[in-house]
């Protein structure tokens, strides 16, 4: 079974997460990919804890 958090995440947020994660895997040396992924993760974490 999936964790509780997964049940409350909107589909568009999951899609964004998957695309950003893919960009860091596809282009690991591209700083822009890592910056956007980290910014998304930080904002999502703040939203979850609020």
PDB file of N, CA and C in Angstrom:
ATOM      1  N   UNK A   1       0.836  -1.187   0.000  1.00  0.00           N
ATOM      2  CA  UNK A   1       0.000   0.000   0.000  1.00  0.00           C
ATOM      3  C   UNK A   1       0.876   1.244   0.000  1.00  0.00           C
ATOM      4  N   UNK A   2       0.356   2.295  -0.595  1.00  0.00           N
ATOM      5  CA  UNK A   2       1.106   3.539  -0.705  1.00  0.00           C
ATOM      6  C   UNK A   2       1.058   4.316   0.606  1.00  0.00           C
ATOM      7  N   UNK A   3       2.071   5.140   0.845  1.00  0.00           N
ATOM      8  CA  UNK A   3       2.063   5.959   2.050  1.00  0.00           C
ATOM      9  C   UNK A   3       0.888   6.938   2.052  1.00  0.00           C
ATOM     10  N   UNK A   4       0.526   7.397   3.241  1.00  0.00           N
ATOM     11  CA  UNK A   4      -0.604   8.313   3.403  1.00  0.00           C
ATOM     12  C   UNK A   4      -0.435   9.582   2.575  1.00  0.00           C
ATOM     13  N   UNK A   5       0.784  10.101   2.515  1.00  0.00           N
ATOM     14  CA  UNK A   5       1.028  11.355   1.809  1.00  0.00           C
ATOM     15  C   UNK A   5       0.648  11.237   0.343  1.00  0.00           C
ATOM     16  N   UNK A   6       0.942  10.121  -0.274  1.00  0.00           N
ATOM     17  CA  UNK A   6       0.645   9.936  -1.694  1.00  0.00           C
ATOM     18  C   UNK A   6      -0.838  10.080  -2.000  1.00  0.00           C
ATOM     19  N   UNK A   7      -1.701   9.710  -1.071  1.00  0.00           N
ATOM     20  CA  UNK A   7      -3.139   9.767  -1.319  1.00  0.00           C
ATOM     21  C   UNK A   7      -3.653  11.194  -1.377  1.00  0.00           C
ATOM     22  N   UNK A   8      -2.928  12.131  -0.769  1.00  0.00           N
ATOM     23  CA  UNK A   8      -3.388  13.507  -0.707  1.00  0.00           C
ATOM     24  C   UNK A   8      -2.698  14.435  -1.702  1.00  0.00           C
ATOM     25  N   UNK A   9      -1.816  13.918  -2.518  1.00  0.00           N
ATOM     26  CA  UNK A   9      -1.105  14.744  -3.492  1.00  0.00           C
ATOM     27  C   UNK A   9      -1.914  14.801  -4.782  1.00  0.00           C
ATOM     28  N   UNK A  10      -2.103  16.012  -5.275  1.00  0.00           N
ATOM     29  CA  UNK A  10      -2.824  16.176  -6.528  1.00  0.00           C
ATOM     30  C   UNK A  10      -2.014  15.599  -7.683  1.00  0.00           C
ATOM     31  N   UNK A  11      -2.724  15.135  -8.693  1.00  0.00           N
ATOM     32  CA  UNK A  11      -2.077  14.491  -9.837  1.00  0.00           C
ATOM     33  C   UNK A  11      -1.098  15.429 -10.535  1.00  0.00           C
ATOM     34  N   UNK A  12      -1.442  16.708 -10.677  1.00  0.00           N
ATOM     35  CA  UNK A  12      -0.534  17.633 -11.356  1.00  0.00           C
ATOM     36  C   UNK A  12       0.758  17.838 -10.568  1.00  0.00           C
ATOM     37  N   UNK A  13       0.680  17.807  -9.242  1.00  0.00           N
ATOM     38  CA  UNK A  13       1.899  17.932  -8.437  1.00  0.00           C
ATOM     39  C   UNK A  13       2.774  16.690  -8.580  1.00  0.00           C
ATOM     40  N   UNK A  14       2.155  15.531  -8.669  1.00  0.00           N
ATOM     41  CA  UNK A  14       2.928  14.305  -8.886  1.00  0.00           C
ATOM     42  C   UNK A  14       3.589  14.311 -10.255  1.00  0.00           C
ATOM     43  N   UNK A  15       2.885  14.805 -11.257  1.00  0.00           N
ATOM     44  CA  UNK A  15       3.448  14.873 -12.603  1.00  0.00           C
ATOM     45  C   UNK A  15       4.647  15.816 -12.633  1.00  0.00           C
ATOM     46  N   UNK A  16       4.514  16.966 -11.996  1.00  0.00           N
ATOM     47  CA  UNK A  16       5.628  17.911 -11.938  1.00  0.00           C
ATOM     48  C   UNK A  16       6.826  17.268 -11.252  1.00  0.00           C
ATOM     49  N   UNK A  17       6.570  16.566 -10.150  1.00  0.00           N
ATOM     50  CA  UNK A  17       7.656  15.893  -9.428  1.00  0.00           C
ATOM     51  C   UNK A  17       8.347  14.869 -10.313  1.00  0.00           C
ATOM     52  N   UNK A  18       7.574  14.096 -11.050  1.00  0.00           N
ATOM     53  CA  UNK A  18       8.160  13.069 -11.922  1.00  0.00           C
ATOM     54  C   UNK A  18       8.995  13.702 -13.034  1.00  0.00           C
ATOM     55  N   UNK A  19       8.496  14.790 -13.614  1.00  0.00           N
ATOM     56  CA  UNK A  19       9.235  15.453 -14.690  1.00  0.00           C
ATOM     57  C   UNK A  19      10.526  16.089 -14.183  1.00  0.00           C
ATOM     58  N   UNK A  20      10.455  16.742 -13.027  1.00  0.00           N
ATOM     59  CA  UNK A  20      11.665  17.344 -12.470  1.00  0.00           C
ATOM     60  C   UNK A  20      12.677  16.276 -12.078  1.00  0.00           C
ATOM     61  N   UNK A  21      12.204  15.192 -11.513  1.00  0.00           N
ATOM     62  CA  UNK A  21      13.096  14.091 -11.151  1.00  0.00           C
ATOM     63  C   UNK A  21      13.733  13.491 -12.406  1.00  0.00           C
ATOM     64  N   UNK A  22      12.947  13.326 -13.456  1.00  0.00           N
ATOM     65  CA  UNK A  22      13.484  12.798 -14.710  1.00  0.00           C
ATOM     66  C   UNK A  22      14.554  13.723 -15.276  1.00  0.00           C
ATOM     67  N   UNK A  23      14.329  15.038 -15.184  1.00  0.00           N
ATOM     68  CA  UNK A  23      15.313  15.973 -15.731  1.00  0.00           C
ATOM     69  C   UNK A  23      16.642  15.883 -14.986  1.00  0.00           C
ATOM     70  N   UNK A  24      16.598  15.632 -13.678  1.00  0.00           N
ATOM     71  CA  UNK A  24      17.857  15.486 -12.938  1.00  0.00           C
ATOM     72  C   UNK A  24      18.549  14.168 -13.270  1.00  0.00           C
ATOM     73  N   UNK A  25      17.771  13.152 -13.607  1.00  0.00           N
ATOM     74  CA  UNK A  25      18.372  11.873 -14.002  1.00  0.00           C
ATOM     75  C   UNK A  25      18.932  11.937 -15.419  1.00  0.00           C
ATOM     76  N   UNK A  26      18.220  12.618 -16.302  1.00  0.00           N
ATOM     77  CA  UNK A  26      18.625  12.707 -17.706  1.00  0.00           C
ATOM     78  C   UNK A  26      19.835  13.629 -17.883  1.00  0.00           C
ATOM     79  N   UNK A  27      19.833  14.744 -17.142  1.00  0.00           N
ATOM     80  CA  UNK A  27      20.913  15.728 -17.246  1.00  0.00           C
ATOM     81  C   UNK A  27      21.482  16.014 -15.855  1.00  0.00           C
ATOM     82  N   UNK A  28      22.252  15.090 -15.299  1.00  0.00           N
ATOM     83  CA  UNK A  28      22.730  15.259 -13.920  1.00  0.00           C
ATOM     84  C   UNK A  28      23.685  16.437 -13.720  1.00  0.00           C
ATOM     85  N   UNK A  29      24.300  16.930 -14.779  1.00  0.00           N
ATOM     86  CA  UNK A  29      25.231  18.054 -14.653  1.00  0.00           C
ATOM     87  C   UNK A  29      24.575  19.404 -14.901  1.00  0.00           C
ATOM     88  N   UNK A  30      23.290  19.408 -15.195  1.00  0.00           N
ATOM     89  CA  UNK A  30      22.589  20.658 -15.472  1.00  0.00           C
ATOM     90  C   UNK A  30      22.069  21.250 -14.161  1.00  0.00           C
ATOM     91  N   UNK A  31      22.688  22.329 -13.738  1.00  0.00           N
ATOM     92  CA  UNK A  31      22.344  22.941 -12.448  1.00  0.00           C
ATOM     93  C   UNK A  31      20.901  23.421 -12.413  1.00  0.00           C
ATOM     94  N   UNK A  32      20.381  23.867 -13.542  1.00  0.00           N
ATOM     95  CA  UNK A  32      19.009  24.372 -13.573  1.00  0.00           C
ATOM     96  C   UNK A  32      18.008  23.279 -13.201  1.00  0.00           C
ATOM     97  N   UNK A  33      18.248  22.058 -13.636  1.00  0.00           N
ATOM     98  CA  UNK A  33      17.364  20.941 -13.277  1.00  0.00           C
ATOM     99  C   UNK A  33      17.365  20.712 -11.774  1.00  0.00           C
ATOM    100  N   UNK A  34      18.553  20.695 -11.189  1.00  0.00           N
ATOM    101  CA  UNK A  34      18.654  20.466  -9.746  1.00  0.00           C
ATOM    102  C   UNK A  34      18.043  21.615  -8.956  1.00  0.00           C
ATOM    103  N   UNK A  35      18.253  22.838  -9.427  1.00  0.00           N
ATOM    104  CA  UNK A  35      17.699  23.995  -8.730  1.00  0.00           C
ATOM    105  C   UNK A  35      16.178  23.956  -8.721  1.00  0.00           C
ATOM    106  N   UNK A  36      15.580  23.648  -9.869  1.00  0.00           N
ATOM    107  CA  UNK A  36      14.114  23.593  -9.954  1.00  0.00           C
ATOM    108  C   UNK A  36      13.560  22.440  -9.124  1.00  0.00           C
ATOM    109  N   UNK A  37      14.231  21.294  -9.147  1.00  0.00           N
ATOM    110  CA  UNK A  37      13.779  20.150  -8.359  1.00  0.00           C
ATOM    111  C   UNK A  37      13.857  20.465  -6.863  1.00  0.00           C
ATOM    112  N   UNK A  38      14.950  21.085  -6.442  1.00  0.00           N
ATOM    113  CA  UNK A  38      15.107  21.439  -5.029  1.00  0.00           C
ATOM    114  C   UNK A  38      14.080  22.483  -4.606  1.00  0.00           C
ATOM    115  N   UNK A  39      13.831  23.468  -5.455  1.00  0.00           N
ATOM    116  CA  UNK A  39      12.838  24.498  -5.135  1.00  0.00           C
ATOM    117  C   UNK A  39      11.455  23.881  -5.013  1.00  0.00           C
ATOM    118  N   UNK A  40      11.117  22.975  -5.922  1.00  0.00           N
ATOM    119  CA  UNK A  40       9.812  22.310  -5.852  1.00  0.00           C
ATOM    120  C   UNK A  40       9.699  21.489  -4.571  1.00  0.00           C
ATOM    121  N   UNK A  41      10.734  20.738  -4.238  1.00  0.00           N
ATOM    122  CA  UNK A  41      10.706  19.899  -3.039  1.00  0.00           C
ATOM    123  C   UNK A  41      10.581  20.749  -1.775  1.00  0.00           C
ATOM    124  N   UNK A  42      11.274  21.870  -1.732  1.00  0.00           N
ATOM    125  CA  UNK A  42      11.201  22.757  -0.573  1.00  0.00           C
ATOM    126  C   UNK A  42       9.795  23.328  -0.415  1.00  0.00           C
ATOM    127  N   UNK A  43       9.224  23.824  -1.499  1.00  0.00           N
ATOM    128  CA  UNK A  43       7.875  24.396  -1.430  1.00  0.00           C
ATOM    129  C   UNK A  43       6.844  23.337  -1.075  1.00  0.00           C
ATOM    130  N   UNK A  44       6.983  22.155  -1.634  1.00  0.00           N
ATOM    131  CA  UNK A  44       6.036  21.080  -1.325  1.00  0.00           C
ATOM    132  C   UNK A  44       6.165  20.650   0.134  1.00  0.00           C
ATOM    133  N   UNK A  45       7.375  20.595   0.640  1.00  0.00           N
ATOM    134  CA  UNK A  45       7.582  20.262   2.047  1.00  0.00           C
ATOM    135  C   UNK A  45       6.963  21.289   2.972  1.00  0.00           C
ATOM    136  N   UNK A  46       7.117  22.564   2.633  1.00  0.00           N
ATOM    137  CA  UNK A  46       6.490  23.622   3.447  1.00  0.00           C
ATOM    138  C   UNK A  46       4.981  23.504   3.415  1.00  0.00           C
ATOM    139  N   UNK A  47       4.435  23.166   2.249  1.00  0.00           N
ATOM    140  CA  UNK A  47       2.985  23.023   2.118  1.00  0.00           C
ATOM    141  C   UNK A  47       2.475  21.844   2.948  1.00  0.00           C
ATOM    142  N   UNK A  48       3.223  20.759   2.966  1.00  0.00           N
ATOM    143  CA  UNK A  48       2.816  19.588   3.746  1.00  0.00           C
ATOM    144  C   UNK A  48       2.853  19.851   5.247  1.00  0.00           C
ATOM    145  N   UNK A  49       3.833  20.625   5.686  1.00  0.00           N
ATOM    146  CA  UNK A  49       3.986  20.881   7.112  1.00  0.00           C
ATOM    147  C   UNK A  49       3.105  22.015   7.624  1.00  0.00           C
ATOM    148  N   UNK A  50       2.542  22.795   6.720  1.00  0.00           N
ATOM    149  CA  UNK A  50       1.703  23.939   7.132  1.00  0.00           C
ATOM    150  C   UNK A  50       0.361  23.491   7.665  1.00  0.00           C
TER     151      UNK A  50
END
